[in-house]
Amino acid sequence: MFLMAGLVVLFWRVAFIYATARIREMQGLVYEIRTYDRSIR
């Protein structure tokens, strides 16, 4: 039971870190698109 709880916590931590990294990546992509769009005009 304790082992299962530990695995769940570990899984959630990895998922959270992955999600945070993806969100930062998407924000960076949006920022790049905006600056690129500005340079065209």
PDB file of N, CA and C in Angstrom:
ATOM      1  N   MET A   1       0.836  -1.208   0.000  1.00  0.00           N
ATOM      2  CA  MET A   1       0.000   0.000   0.000  1.00  0.00           C
ATOM      3  C   MET A   1       0.870   1.256   0.000  1.00  0.00           C
ATOM      4  N   PHE A   2       1.878   1.261   0.874  1.00  0.00           N
ATOM      5  CA  PHE A   2       2.782   2.413   0.958  1.00  0.00           C
ATOM      6  C   PHE A   2       3.566   2.580  -0.347  1.00  0.00           C
ATOM      7  N   LEU A   3       3.950   1.447  -0.927  1.00  0.00           N
ATOM      8  CA  LEU A   3       4.689   1.463  -2.197  1.00  0.00           C
ATOM      9  C   LEU A   3       3.834   2.065  -3.312  1.00  0.00           C
ATOM     10  N   MET A   4       2.552   1.702  -3.333  1.00  0.00           N
ATOM     11  CA  MET A   4       1.635   2.241  -4.339  1.00  0.00           C
ATOM     12  C   MET A   4       1.494   3.748  -4.200  1.00  0.00           C
ATOM     13  N   ALA A   5       1.373   4.213  -2.948  1.00  0.00           N
ATOM     14  CA  ALA A   5       1.264   5.651  -2.697  1.00  0.00           C
ATOM     15  C   ALA A   5       2.519   6.369  -3.178  1.00  0.00           C
ATOM     16  N   GLY A   6       3.670   5.775  -2.930  1.00  0.00           N
ATOM     17  CA  GLY A   6       4.938   6.357  -3.370  1.00  0.00           C
ATOM     18  C   GLY A   6       5.021   6.447  -4.882  1.00  0.00           C
ATOM     19  N   LEU A   7       4.554   5.397  -5.564  1.00  0.00           N
ATOM     20  CA  LEU A   7       4.548   5.388  -7.032  1.00  0.00           C
ATOM     21  C   LEU A   7       3.612   6.456  -7.585  1.00  0.00           C
ATOM     22  N   VAL A   8       2.451   6.607  -6.950  1.00  0.00           N
ATOM     23  CA  VAL A   8       1.480   7.620  -7.377  1.00  0.00           C
ATOM     24  C   VAL A   8       2.076   9.021  -7.233  1.00  0.00           C
ATOM     25  N   VAL A   9       2.717   9.275  -6.089  1.00  0.00           N
ATOM     26  CA  VAL A   9       3.350  10.576  -5.844  1.00  0.00           C
ATOM     27  C   VAL A   9       4.440  10.834  -6.882  1.00  0.00           C
ATOM     28  N   LEU A  10       5.254   9.824  -7.142  1.00  0.00           N
ATOM     29  CA  LEU A  10       6.333   9.944  -8.130  1.00  0.00           C
ATOM     30  C   LEU A  10       5.756  10.232  -9.514  1.00  0.00           C
ATOM     31  N   PHE A  11       4.699   9.514  -9.878  1.00  0.00           N
ATOM     32  CA  PHE A  11       4.047   9.710 -11.175  1.00  0.00           C
ATOM     33  C   PHE A  11       3.522  11.136 -11.313  1.00  0.00           C
ATOM     34  N   TRP A  12       2.843  11.636 -10.250  1.00  0.00           N
ATOM     35  CA  TRP A  12       2.294  12.987 -10.294  1.00  0.00           C
ATOM     36  C   TRP A  12       3.385  14.037 -10.389  1.00  0.00           C
ATOM     37  N   ARG A  13       4.512  13.802  -9.706  1.00  0.00           N
ATOM     38  CA  ARG A  13       5.624  14.751  -9.751  1.00  0.00           C
ATOM     39  C   ARG A  13       6.204  14.834 -11.164  1.00  0.00           C
ATOM     40  N   VAL A  14       6.409  13.666 -11.786  1.00  0.00           N
ATOM     41  CA  VAL A  14       6.928  13.619 -13.163  1.00  0.00           C
ATOM     42  C   VAL A  14       5.945  14.282 -14.127  1.00  0.00           C
ATOM     43  N   ALA A  15       4.660  13.975 -13.979  1.00  0.00           N
ATOM     44  CA  ALA A  15       3.630  14.553 -14.846  1.00  0.00           C
ATOM     45  C   ALA A  15       3.583  16.071 -14.689  1.00  0.00           C
ATOM     46  N   PHE A  16       3.699  16.561 -13.456  1.00  0.00           N
ATOM     47  CA  PHE A  16       3.674  17.996 -13.183  1.00  0.00           C
ATOM     48  C   PHE A  16       4.869  18.695 -13.820  1.00  0.00           C
ATOM     49  N   ILE A  17       6.063  18.122 -13.659  1.00  0.00           N
ATOM     50  CA  ILE A  17       7.278  18.696 -14.245  1.00  0.00           C
ATOM     51  C   ILE A  17       7.164  18.718 -15.771  1.00  0.00           C
ATOM     52  N   TYR A  18       6.657  17.631 -16.346  1.00  0.00           N
ATOM     53  CA  TYR A  18       6.492  17.537 -17.796  1.00  0.00           C
ATOM     54  C   TYR A  18       5.501  18.589 -18.297  1.00  0.00           C
ATOM     55  N   ALA A  19       4.374  18.732 -17.585  1.00  0.00           N
ATOM     56  CA  ALA A  19       3.357  19.711 -17.971  1.00  0.00           C
ATOM     57  C   ALA A  19       3.913  21.132 -17.888  1.00  0.00           C
ATOM     58  N   THR A  20       4.659  21.434 -16.827  1.00  0.00           N
ATOM     59  CA  THR A  20       5.259  22.759 -16.659  1.00  0.00           C
ATOM     60  C   THR A  20       6.217  23.057 -17.808  1.00  0.00           C
ATOM     61  N   ALA A  21       7.029  22.066 -18.175  1.00  0.00           N
ATOM     62  CA  ALA A  21       7.979  22.233 -19.282  1.00  0.00           C
ATOM     63  C   ALA A  21       7.236  22.475 -20.594  1.00  0.00           C
ATOM     64  N   ARG A  22       6.164  21.738 -20.823  1.00  0.00           N
ATOM     65  CA  ARG A  22       5.381  21.903 -22.050  1.00  0.00           C
ATOM     66  C   ARG A  22       4.744  23.285 -22.119  1.00  0.00           C
ATOM     67  N   ILE A  23       4.204  23.774 -20.984  1.00  0.00           N
ATOM     68  CA  ILE A  23       3.579  25.097 -20.929  1.00  0.00           C
ATOM     69  C   ILE A  23       4.612  26.180 -21.233  1.00  0.00           C
ATOM     70  N   ARG A  24       5.797  26.075 -20.633  1.00  0.00           N
ATOM     71  CA  ARG A  24       6.873  27.038 -20.904  1.00  0.00           C
ATOM     72  C   ARG A  24       7.258  27.014 -22.375  1.00  0.00           C
ATOM     73  N   GLU A  25       7.324  25.810 -22.946  1.00  0.00           N
ATOM     74  CA  GLU A  25       7.671  25.645 -24.359  1.00  0.00           C
ATOM     75  C   GLU A  25       6.625  26.320 -25.248  1.00  0.00           C
ATOM     76  N   MET A  26       5.348  26.115 -24.923  1.00  0.00           N
ATOM     77  CA  MET A  26       4.268  26.715 -25.699  1.00  0.00           C
ATOM     78  C   MET A  26       4.289  28.232 -25.588  1.00  0.00           C
ATOM     79  N   GLN A  27       4.545  28.770 -24.386  1.00  0.00           N
ATOM     80  CA  GLN A  27       4.633  30.214 -24.191  1.00  0.00           C
ATOM     81  C   GLN A  27       5.774  30.794 -25.012  1.00  0.00           C
ATOM     82  N   GLY A  28       6.909  30.114 -25.041  1.00  0.00           N
ATOM     83  CA  GLY A  28       8.058  30.550 -25.826  1.00  0.00           C
ATOM     84  C   GLY A  28       7.731  30.552 -27.311  1.00  0.00           C
ATOM     85  N   LEU A  29       6.989  29.537 -27.755  1.00  0.00           N
ATOM     86  CA  LEU A  29       6.579  29.426 -29.149  1.00  0.00           C
ATOM     87  C   LEU A  29       5.651  30.581 -29.526  1.00  0.00           C
ATOM     88  N   VAL A  30       4.681  30.878 -28.669  1.00  0.00           N
ATOM     89  CA  VAL A  30       3.747  31.987 -28.894  1.00  0.00           C
ATOM     90  C   VAL A  30       4.507  33.307 -28.969  1.00  0.00           C
ATOM     91  N   TYR A  31       5.470  33.496 -28.068  1.00  0.00           N
ATOM     92  CA  TYR A  31       6.281  34.713 -28.048  1.00  0.00           C
ATOM     93  C   TYR A  31       7.082  34.856 -29.343  1.00  0.00           C
ATOM     94  N   GLU A  32       7.673  33.759 -29.807  1.00  0.00           N
ATOM     95  CA  GLU A  32       8.447  33.777 -31.054  1.00  0.00           C
ATOM     96  C   GLU A  32       7.558  34.124 -32.242  1.00  0.00           C
ATOM     97  N   ILE A  33       6.363  33.547 -32.287  1.00  0.00           N
ATOM     98  CA  ILE A  33       5.416  33.820 -33.378  1.00  0.00           C
ATOM     99  C   ILE A  33       5.033  35.296 -33.369  1.00  0.00           C
ATOM    100  N   ARG A  34       4.782  35.863 -32.200  1.00  0.00           N
ATOM    101  CA  ARG A  34       4.419  37.280 -32.093  1.00  0.00           C
ATOM    102  C   ARG A  34       5.537  38.183 -32.600  1.00  0.00           C
ATOM    103  N   THR A  35       6.763  37.941 -32.164  1.00  0.00           N
ATOM    104  CA  THR A  35       7.891  38.780 -32.581  1.00  0.00           C
ATOM    105  C   THR A  35       8.152  38.617 -34.078  1.00  0.00           C
ATOM    106  N   TYR A  36       7.986  37.405 -34.584  1.00  0.00           N
ATOM    107  CA  TYR A  36       8.172  37.130 -36.013  1.00  0.00           C
ATOM    108  C   TYR A  36       7.113  37.869 -36.833  1.00  0.00           C
ATOM    109  N   ASP A  37       5.880  37.837 -36.334  1.00  0.00           N
ATOM    110  CA  ASP A  37       4.765  38.517 -36.988  1.00  0.00           C
ATOM    111  C   ASP A  37       5.014  40.021 -37.035  1.00  0.00           C
ATOM    112  N   ARG A  38       5.577  40.572 -35.968  1.00  0.00           N
ATOM    113  CA  ARG A  38       5.868  41.998 -35.889  1.00  0.00           C
ATOM    114  C   ARG A  38       6.944  42.394 -36.902  1.00  0.00           C
ATOM    115  N   SER A  39       7.950  41.536 -37.065  1.00  0.00           N
ATOM    116  CA  SER A  39       9.055  41.846 -37.972  1.00  0.00           C
ATOM    117  C   SER A  39       8.615  41.803 -39.442  1.00  0.00           C
ATOM    118  N   ILE A  40       7.578  41.019 -39.755  1.00  0.00           N
ATOM    119  CA  ILE A  40       7.055  40.964 -41.133  1.00  0.00           C
ATOM    120  C   ILE A  40       6.386  42.294 -41.474  1.00  0.00           C
ATOM    121  N   ARG A  41       5.588  42.804 -40.567  1.00  0.00           N
ATOM    122  CA  ARG A  41       4.909  44.083 -40.772  1.00  0.00           C
ATOM    123  C   ARG A  41       5.894  45.199 -40.536  1.00  0.00           C
TER     124      ARG A  41
END
